[in-house]
Amino acid sequence: MIVDWLDDNYHFGEAAQVIKTDDTSFLQGGVLDSLGFVQLVLFLEKTLKLKINRKELSPKNFDSMNKILAYITSHPAYTGPR
């Protein structure tokens, strides 16, 4: 879902090549800039029907696929697979 969003909004079909591993840093790897993070969070909130606390919007929680997955699956309102 995130790779598809990145393909549609930033990398035009090349996101899988830009994200080498699930631990690739979105900032250091050039996957997203700060505005991209905000847009990604808005997408995740809308798609997953979650409210993400703006204080938690940091590279610690959103700088790689694994960090996003860990954050989302630990979110109290998340109802999907864990």
PDB file of N, CA and C in Angstrom:
ATOM      1  N   MET A   1       0.819  -1.180   0.000  1.00  0.00           N
ATOM      2  CA  MET A   1       0.000   0.000   0.000  1.00  0.00           C
ATOM      3  C   MET A   1       0.877   1.264   0.000  1.00  0.00           C
ATOM      4  N   ILE A   2       1.900   1.282   0.834  1.00  0.00           N
ATOM      5  CA  ILE A   2       2.776   2.458   0.901  1.00  0.00           C
ATOM      6  C   ILE A   2       3.603   2.580  -0.367  1.00  0.00           C
ATOM      7  N   VAL A   3       4.118   1.473  -0.860  1.00  0.00           N
ATOM      8  CA  VAL A   3       4.897   1.511  -2.107  1.00  0.00           C
ATOM      9  C   VAL A   3       4.017   2.010  -3.250  1.00  0.00           C
ATOM     10  N   ASP A   4       2.782   1.561  -3.312  1.00  0.00           N
ATOM     11  CA  ASP A   4       1.864   2.037  -4.352  1.00  0.00           C
ATOM     12  C   ASP A   4       1.647   3.537  -4.230  1.00  0.00           C
ATOM     13  N   TRP A   5       1.471   4.020  -2.999  1.00  0.00           N
ATOM     14  CA  TRP A   5       1.286   5.451  -2.785  1.00  0.00           C
ATOM     15  C   TRP A   5       2.534   6.225  -3.223  1.00  0.00           C
ATOM     16  N   LEU A   6       3.714   5.709  -2.853  1.00  0.00           N
ATOM     17  CA  LEU A   6       4.959   6.362  -3.269  1.00  0.00           C
ATOM     18  C   LEU A   6       5.086   6.372  -4.792  1.00  0.00           C
ATOM     19  N   ASP A   7       4.725   5.266  -5.437  1.00  0.00           N
ATOM     20  CA  ASP A   7       4.763   5.206  -6.901  1.00  0.00           C
ATOM     21  C   ASP A   7       3.844   6.251  -7.516  1.00  0.00           C
ATOM     22  N   ASP A   8       2.653   6.386  -6.978  1.00  0.00           N
ATOM     23  CA  ASP A   8       1.663   7.321  -7.522  1.00  0.00           C
ATOM     24  C   ASP A   8       2.014   8.781  -7.268  1.00  0.00           C
ATOM     25  N   ASN A   9       2.715   9.061  -6.160  1.00  0.00           N
ATOM     26  CA  ASN A   9       2.924  10.447  -5.750  1.00  0.00           C
ATOM     27  C   ASN A   9       4.350  10.969  -5.851  1.00  0.00           C
ATOM     28  N   TYR A  10       5.339  10.070  -5.835  1.00  0.00           N
ATOM     29  CA  TYR A  10       6.723  10.542  -5.791  1.00  0.00           C
ATOM     30  C   TYR A  10       7.672   9.865  -6.769  1.00  0.00           C
ATOM     31  N   HIS A  11       7.567   8.570  -6.919  1.00  0.00           N
ATOM     32  CA  HIS A  11       8.611   7.847  -7.640  1.00  0.00           C
ATOM     33  C   HIS A  11       8.149   7.219  -8.948  1.00  0.00           C
ATOM     34  N   PHE A  12       6.906   7.443  -9.311  1.00  0.00           N
ATOM     35  CA  PHE A  12       6.378   7.080 -10.624  1.00  0.00           C
ATOM     36  C   PHE A  12       6.775   5.667 -11.066  1.00  0.00           C
ATOM     37  N   GLY A  13       6.451   4.690 -10.227  1.00  0.00           N
ATOM     38  CA  GLY A  13       6.713   3.305 -10.553  1.00  0.00           C
ATOM     39  C   GLY A  13       8.077   2.792 -10.149  1.00  0.00           C
ATOM     40  N   GLU A  14       8.899   3.627  -9.523  1.00  0.00           N
ATOM     41  CA  GLU A  14      10.265   3.241  -9.165  1.00  0.00           C
ATOM     42  C   GLU A  14      10.487   3.114  -7.654  1.00  0.00           C
ATOM     43  N   ALA A  15       9.447   3.182  -6.856  1.00  0.00           N
ATOM     44  CA  ALA A  15       9.621   3.167  -5.399  1.00  0.00           C
ATOM     45  C   ALA A  15      10.291   1.893  -4.915  1.00  0.00           C
ATOM     46  N   ALA A  16       9.933   0.762  -5.478  1.00  0.00           N
ATOM     47  CA  ALA A  16      10.528  -0.509  -5.037  1.00  0.00           C
ATOM     48  C   ALA A  16      12.035  -0.523  -5.275  1.00  0.00           C
ATOM     49  N   GLN A  17      12.513   0.167  -6.305  1.00  0.00           N
ATOM     50  CA  GLN A  17      13.954   0.233  -6.560  1.00  0.00           C
ATOM     51  C   GLN A  17      14.644   1.223  -5.619  1.00  0.00           C
ATOM     52  N   VAL A  18      13.928   2.268  -5.208  1.00  0.00           N
ATOM     53  CA  VAL A  18      14.497   3.271  -4.307  1.00  0.00           C
ATOM     54  C   VAL A  18      14.582   2.727  -2.882  1.00  0.00           C
ATOM     55  N   ILE A  19      13.577   1.941  -2.492  1.00  0.00           N
ATOM     56  CA  ILE A  19      13.554   1.349  -1.156  1.00  0.00           C
ATOM     57  C   ILE A  19      14.243  -0.007  -1.241  1.00  0.00           C
ATOM     58  N   LYS A  20      15.514  -0.025  -0.945  1.00  0.00           N
ATOM     59  CA  LYS A  20      16.336  -1.237  -1.101  1.00  0.00           C
ATOM     60  C   LYS A  20      15.947  -2.339  -0.119  1.00  0.00           C
ATOM     61  N   THR A  21      15.676  -1.963   1.133  1.00  0.00           N
ATOM     62  CA  THR A  21      15.244  -2.914   2.159  1.00  0.00           C
ATOM     63  C   THR A  21      14.127  -2.260   2.963  1.00  0.00           C
ATOM     64  N   ASP A  22      13.494  -3.022   3.829  1.00  0.00           N
ATOM     65  CA  ASP A  22      12.442  -2.463   4.676  1.00  0.00           C
ATOM     66  C   ASP A  22      12.993  -1.533   5.745  1.00  0.00           C
ATOM     67  N   ASP A  23      14.319  -1.478   5.886  1.00  0.00           N
ATOM     68  CA  ASP A  23      14.961  -0.565   6.835  1.00  0.00           C
ATOM     69  C   ASP A  23      15.583   0.652   6.152  1.00  0.00           C
ATOM     70  N   THR A  24      15.423   0.790   4.844  1.00  0.00           N
ATOM     71  CA  THR A  24      15.958   1.955   4.126  1.00  0.00           C
ATOM     72  C   THR A  24      15.372   3.233   4.715  1.00  0.00           C
ATOM     73  N   SER A  25      16.226   4.166   5.082  1.00  0.00           N
ATOM     74  CA  SER A  25      15.788   5.452   5.621  1.00  0.00           C
ATOM     75  C   SER A  25      15.123   6.265   4.521  1.00  0.00           C
ATOM     76  N   PHE A  26      13.905   6.691   4.778  1.00  0.00           N
ATOM     77  CA  PHE A  26      13.201   7.503   3.798  1.00  0.00           C
ATOM     78  C   PHE A  26      13.885   8.860   3.614  1.00  0.00           C
ATOM     79  N   LEU A  27      14.419   9.422   4.689  1.00  0.00           N
ATOM     80  CA  LEU A  27      15.097  10.721   4.586  1.00  0.00           C
ATOM     81  C   LEU A  27      16.466  10.581   3.940  1.00  0.00           C
ATOM     82  N   GLN A  28      17.310   9.733   4.486  1.00  0.00           N
ATOM     83  CA  GLN A  28      18.673   9.585   3.966  1.00  0.00           C
ATOM     84  C   GLN A  28      18.694   8.925   2.595  1.00  0.00           C
ATOM     85  N   GLY A  29      17.708   8.066   2.317  1.00  0.00           N
ATOM     86  CA  GLY A  29      17.641   7.377   1.030  1.00  0.00           C
ATOM     87  C   GLY A  29      16.958   8.183  -0.060  1.00  0.00           C
ATOM     88  N   GLY A  30      16.495   9.381   0.282  1.00  0.00           N
ATOM     89  CA  GLY A  30      15.842  10.228  -0.714  1.00  0.00           C
ATOM     90  C   GLY A  30      14.456   9.753  -1.118  1.00  0.00           C
ATOM     91  N   VAL A  31      13.835   8.953  -0.277  1.00  0.00           N
ATOM     92  CA  VAL A  31      12.499   8.439  -0.578  1.00  0.00           C
ATOM     93  C   VAL A  31      11.458   9.534  -0.390  1.00  0.00           C
ATOM     94  N   LEU A  32      11.548  10.273   0.711  1.00  0.00           N
ATOM     95  CA  LEU A  32      10.615  11.365   1.016  1.00  0.00           C
ATOM     96  C   LEU A  32      11.350  12.547   1.622  1.00  0.00           C
ATOM     97  N   ASP A  33      10.775  13.721   1.440  1.00  0.00           N
ATOM     98  CA  ASP A  33      11.244  14.908   2.141  1.00  0.00           C
ATOM     99  C   ASP A  33      10.227  15.198   3.251  1.00  0.00           C
ATOM    100  N   SER A  34      10.390  16.314   3.961  1.00  0.00           N
ATOM    101  CA  SER A  34       9.517  16.597   5.100  1.00  0.00           C
ATOM    102  C   SER A  34       8.060  16.767   4.677  1.00  0.00           C
ATOM    103  N   LEU A  35       7.810  17.399   3.558  1.00  0.00           N
ATOM    104  CA  LEU A  35       6.440  17.531   3.067  1.00  0.00           C
ATOM    105  C   LEU A  35       5.870  16.160   2.708  1.00  0.00           C
ATOM    106  N   GLY A  36       6.690  15.308   2.155  1.00  0.00           N
ATOM    107  CA  GLY A  36       6.264  13.956   1.823  1.00  0.00           C
ATOM    108  C   GLY A  36       5.836  13.172   3.050  1.00  0.00           C
ATOM    109  N   PHE A  37       6.541  13.374   4.165  1.00  0.00           N
ATOM    110  CA  PHE A  37       6.153  12.710   5.405  1.00  0.00           C
ATOM    111  C   PHE A  37       4.750  13.131   5.832  1.00  0.00           C
ATOM    112  N   VAL A  38       4.480  14.424   5.748  1.00  0.00           N
ATOM    113  CA  VAL A  38       3.159  14.926   6.125  1.00  0.00           C
ATOM    114  C   VAL A  38       2.090  14.314   5.217  1.00  0.00           C
ATOM    115  N   GLN A  39       2.348  14.286   3.934  1.00  0.00           N
ATOM    116  CA  GLN A  39       1.387  13.709   3.001  1.00  0.00           C
ATOM    117  C   GLN A  39       1.199  12.214   3.246  1.00  0.00           C
ATOM    118  N   LEU A  40       2.269  11.510   3.558  1.00  0.00           N
ATOM    119  CA  LEU A  40       2.172  10.083   3.858  1.00  0.00           C
ATOM    120  C   LEU A  40       1.317   9.857   5.103  1.00  0.00           C
ATOM    121  N   VAL A  41       1.523  10.655   6.133  1.00  0.00           N
ATOM    122  CA  VAL A  41       0.735  10.516   7.360  1.00  0.00           C
ATOM    123  C   VAL A  41      -0.746  10.778   7.079  1.00  0.00           C
ATOM    124  N   LEU A  42      -1.037  11.788   6.293  1.00  0.00           N
ATOM    125  CA  LEU A  42      -2.432  12.067   5.945  1.00  0.00           C
ATOM    126  C   LEU A  42      -3.048  10.895   5.183  1.00  0.00           C
ATOM    127  N   PHE A  43      -2.286  10.300   4.275  1.00  0.00           N
ATOM    128  CA  PHE A  43      -2.736   9.131   3.535  1.00  0.00           C
ATOM    129  C   PHE A  43      -3.009   7.955   4.481  1.00  0.00           C
ATOM    130  N   LEU A  44      -2.083   7.691   5.404  1.00  0.00           N
ATOM    131  CA  LEU A  44      -2.256   6.589   6.342  1.00  0.00           C
ATOM    132  C   LEU A  44      -3.469   6.820   7.244  1.00  0.00           C
ATOM    133  N   GLU A  45      -3.648   8.051   7.713  1.00  0.00           N
ATOM    134  CA  GLU A  45      -4.805   8.354   8.554  1.00  0.00           C
ATOM    135  C   GLU A  45      -6.114   8.082   7.806  1.00  0.00           C
ATOM    136  N   LYS A  46      -6.185   8.549   6.590  1.00  0.00           N
ATOM    137  CA  LYS A  46      -7.403   8.382   5.802  1.00  0.00           C
ATOM    138  C   LYS A  46      -7.635   6.912   5.451  1.00  0.00           C
ATOM    139  N   THR A  47      -6.611   6.238   4.978  1.00  0.00           N
ATOM    140  CA  THR A  47      -6.735   4.860   4.514  1.00  0.00           C
ATOM    141  C   THR A  47      -7.002   3.891   5.659  1.00  0.00           C
ATOM    142  N   LEU A  48      -6.288   4.067   6.761  1.00  0.00           N
ATOM    143  CA  LEU A  48      -6.406   3.135   7.884  1.00  0.00           C
ATOM    144  C   LEU A  48      -7.376   3.612   8.958  1.00  0.00           C
ATOM    145  N   LYS A  49      -7.942   4.799   8.747  1.00  0.00           N
ATOM    146  CA  LYS A  49      -8.890   5.385   9.703  1.00  0.00           C
ATOM    147  C   LYS A  49      -8.285   5.505  11.103  1.00  0.00           C
ATOM    148  N   LEU A  50      -7.082   6.077  11.130  1.00  0.00           N
ATOM    149  CA  LEU A  50      -6.360   6.305  12.375  1.00  0.00           C
ATOM    150  C   LEU A  50      -6.128   7.791  12.558  1.00  0.00           C
ATOM    151  N   LYS A  51      -5.998   8.227  13.788  1.00  0.00           N
ATOM    152  CA  LYS A  51      -5.565   9.587  14.086  1.00  0.00           C
ATOM    153  C   LYS A  51      -4.150   9.484  14.637  1.00  0.00           C
ATOM    154  N   ILE A  52      -3.195  10.026  13.894  1.00  0.00           N
ATOM    155  CA  ILE A  52      -1.795   9.959  14.307  1.00  0.00           C
ATOM    156  C   ILE A  52      -1.442  11.246  15.040  1.00  0.00           C
ATOM    157  N   ASN A  53      -0.994  11.090  16.270  1.00  0.00           N
ATOM    158  CA  ASN A  53      -0.603  12.216  17.098  1.00  0.00           C
ATOM    159  C   ASN A  53       0.575  12.934  16.444  1.00  0.00           C
ATOM    160  N   ARG A  54       0.442  14.218  16.226  1.00  0.00           N
ATOM    161  CA  ARG A  54       1.499  14.993  15.555  1.00  0.00           C
ATOM    162  C   ARG A  54       2.808  14.981  16.335  1.00  0.00           C
ATOM    163  N   LYS A  55       2.742  14.774  17.640  1.00  0.00           N
ATOM    164  CA  LYS A  55       3.963  14.680  18.442  1.00  0.00           C
ATOM    165  C   LYS A  55       4.737  13.401  18.118  1.00  0.00           C
ATOM    166  N   GLU A  56       4.045  12.409  17.553  1.00  0.00           N
ATOM    167  CA  GLU A  56       4.691  11.145  17.202  1.00  0.00           C
ATOM    168  C   GLU A  56       5.183  11.125  15.756  1.00  0.00           C
ATOM    169  N   LEU A  57       4.946  12.214  15.038  1.00  0.00           N
ATOM    170  CA  LEU A  57       5.380  12.323  13.647  1.00  0.00           C
ATOM    171  C   LEU A  57       6.863  12.681  13.628  1.00  0.00           C
ATOM    172  N   SER A  58       7.686  11.642  13.577  1.00  0.00           N
ATOM    173  CA  SER A  58       9.132  11.834  13.600  1.00  0.00           C
ATOM    174  C   SER A  58       9.793  10.683  12.844  1.00  0.00           C
ATOM    175  N   PRO A  59      11.052  10.855  12.475  1.00  0.00           N
ATOM    176  CA  PRO A  59      11.770   9.758  11.832  1.00  0.00           C
ATOM    177  C   PRO A  59      11.793   8.483  12.681  1.00  0.00           C
ATOM    178  N   LYS A  60      11.719   8.633  13.994  1.00  0.00           N
ATOM    179  CA  LYS A  60      11.696   7.462  14.883  1.00  0.00           C
ATOM    180  C   LYS A  60      10.538   6.527  14.525  1.00  0.00           C
ATOM    181  N   ASN A  61       9.430   7.087  14.075  1.00  0.00           N
ATOM    182  CA  ASN A  61       8.241   6.291  13.766  1.00  0.00           C
ATOM    183  C   ASN A  61       7.952   6.134  12.277  1.00  0.00           C
ATOM    184  N   PHE A  62       8.516   6.987  11.426  1.00  0.00           N
ATOM    185  CA  PHE A  62       8.097   7.011  10.026  1.00  0.00           C
ATOM    186  C   PHE A  62       9.241   7.043   9.015  1.00  0.00           C
ATOM    187  N   ASP A  63      10.470   6.715   9.416  1.00  0.00           N
ATOM    188  CA  ASP A  63      11.600   6.854   8.502  1.00  0.00           C
ATOM    189  C   ASP A  63      11.946   5.598   7.705  1.00  0.00           C
ATOM    190  N   SER A  64      11.150   4.540   7.820  1.00  0.00           N
ATOM    191  CA  SER A  64      11.366   3.339   7.011  1.00  0.00           C
ATOM    192  C   SER A  64      10.081   2.522   6.997  1.00  0.00           C
ATOM    193  N   MET A  65      10.026   1.549   6.130  1.00  0.00           N
ATOM    194  CA  MET A  65       8.859   0.677   6.074  1.00  0.00           C
ATOM    195  C   MET A  65       8.678  -0.038   7.411  1.00  0.00           C
ATOM    196  N   ASN A  66       9.757  -0.561   7.975  1.00  0.00           N
ATOM    197  CA  ASN A  66       9.649  -1.283   9.250  1.00  0.00           C
ATOM    198  C   ASN A  66       9.192  -0.376  10.385  1.00  0.00           C
ATOM    199  N   LYS A  67       9.663   0.864  10.418  1.00  0.00           N
ATOM    200  CA  LYS A  67       9.255   1.791  11.478  1.00  0.00           C
ATOM    201  C   LYS A  67       7.778   2.149  11.334  1.00  0.00           C
ATOM    202  N   ILE A  68       7.321   2.343  10.111  1.00  0.00           N
ATOM    203  CA  ILE A  68       5.902   2.646   9.888  1.00  0.00           C
ATOM    204  C   ILE A  68       5.050   1.454  10.311  1.00  0.00           C
ATOM    205  N   LEU A  69       5.446   0.268   9.901  1.00  0.00           N
ATOM    206  CA  LEU A  69       4.702  -0.938  10.251  1.00  0.00           C
ATOM    207  C   LEU A  69       4.623  -1.111  11.768  1.00  0.00           C
ATOM    208  N   ALA A  70       5.741  -0.931  12.449  1.00  0.00           N
ATOM    209  CA  ALA A  70       5.756  -1.062  13.913  1.00  0.00           C
ATOM    210  C   ALA A  70       4.852  -0.025  14.559  1.00  0.00           C
ATOM    211  N   TYR A  71       4.917   1.198  14.073  1.00  0.00           N
ATOM    212  CA  TYR A  71       4.082   2.260  14.645  1.00  0.00           C
ATOM    213  C   TYR A  71       2.602   1.966  14.421  1.00  0.00           C
ATOM    214  N   ILE A  72       2.246   1.659  13.181  1.00  0.00           N
ATOM    215  CA  ILE A  72       0.837   1.444  12.837  1.00  0.00           C
ATOM    216  C   ILE A  72       0.261   0.248  13.602  1.00  0.00           C
ATOM    217  N   THR A  73       0.980  -0.867  13.631  1.00  0.00           N
ATOM    218  CA  THR A  73       0.433  -2.055  14.285  1.00  0.00           C
ATOM    219  C   THR A  73       0.362  -1.909  15.806  1.00  0.00           C
ATOM    220  N   SER A  74       1.103  -0.972  16.370  1.00  0.00           N
ATOM    221  CA  SER A  74       1.015  -0.739  17.815  1.00  0.00           C
ATOM    222  C   SER A  74      -0.002   0.364  18.162  1.00  0.00           C
ATOM    223  N   HIS A  75      -0.551   1.015  17.165  1.00  0.00           N
ATOM    224  CA  HIS A  75      -1.522   2.090  17.388  1.00  0.00           C
ATOM    225  C   HIS A  75      -2.794   1.504  18.002  1.00  0.00           C
ATOM    226  N   PRO A  76      -3.319   2.125  19.057  1.00  0.00           N
ATOM    227  CA  PRO A  76      -4.492   1.568  19.733  1.00  0.00           C
ATOM    228  C   PRO A  76      -5.734   1.426  18.838  1.00  0.00           C
ATOM    229  N   ALA A  77      -5.867   2.260  17.827  1.00  0.00           N
ATOM    230  CA  ALA A  77      -7.057   2.219  16.980  1.00  0.00           C
ATOM    231  C   ALA A  77      -6.892   1.289  15.765  1.00  0.00           C
ATOM    232  N   TYR A  78      -5.708   0.734  15.588  1.00  0.00           N
ATOM    233  CA  TYR A  78      -5.461  -0.142  14.438  1.00  0.00           C
ATOM    234  C   TYR A  78      -6.202  -1.459  14.625  1.00  0.00           C
ATOM    235  N   THR A  79      -6.946  -1.879  13.589  1.00  0.00           N
ATOM    236  CA  THR A  79      -7.749  -3.094  13.680  1.00  0.00           C
ATOM    237  C   THR A  79      -7.336  -4.178  12.682  1.00  0.00           C
ATOM    238  N   GLY A  80      -6.291  -3.946  11.922  1.00  0.00           N
ATOM    239  CA  GLY A  80      -5.855  -4.901  10.914  1.00  0.00           C
ATOM    240  C   GLY A  80      -4.988  -6.008  11.513  1.00  0.00           C
ATOM    241  N   PRO A  81      -4.361  -6.809  10.629  1.00  0.00           N
ATOM    242  CA  PRO A  81      -3.503  -7.892  11.110  1.00  0.00           C
ATOM    243  C   PRO A  81      -2.289  -7.343  11.861  1.00  0.00           C
ATOM    244  N   ARG A  82      -1.835  -8.090  12.814  1.00  0.00           N
ATOM    245  CA  ARG A  82      -0.665  -7.654  13.609  1.00  0.00           C
ATOM    246  C   ARG A  82       0.490  -8.571  13.400  1.00  0.00           C
TER     247      ARG A  82
END
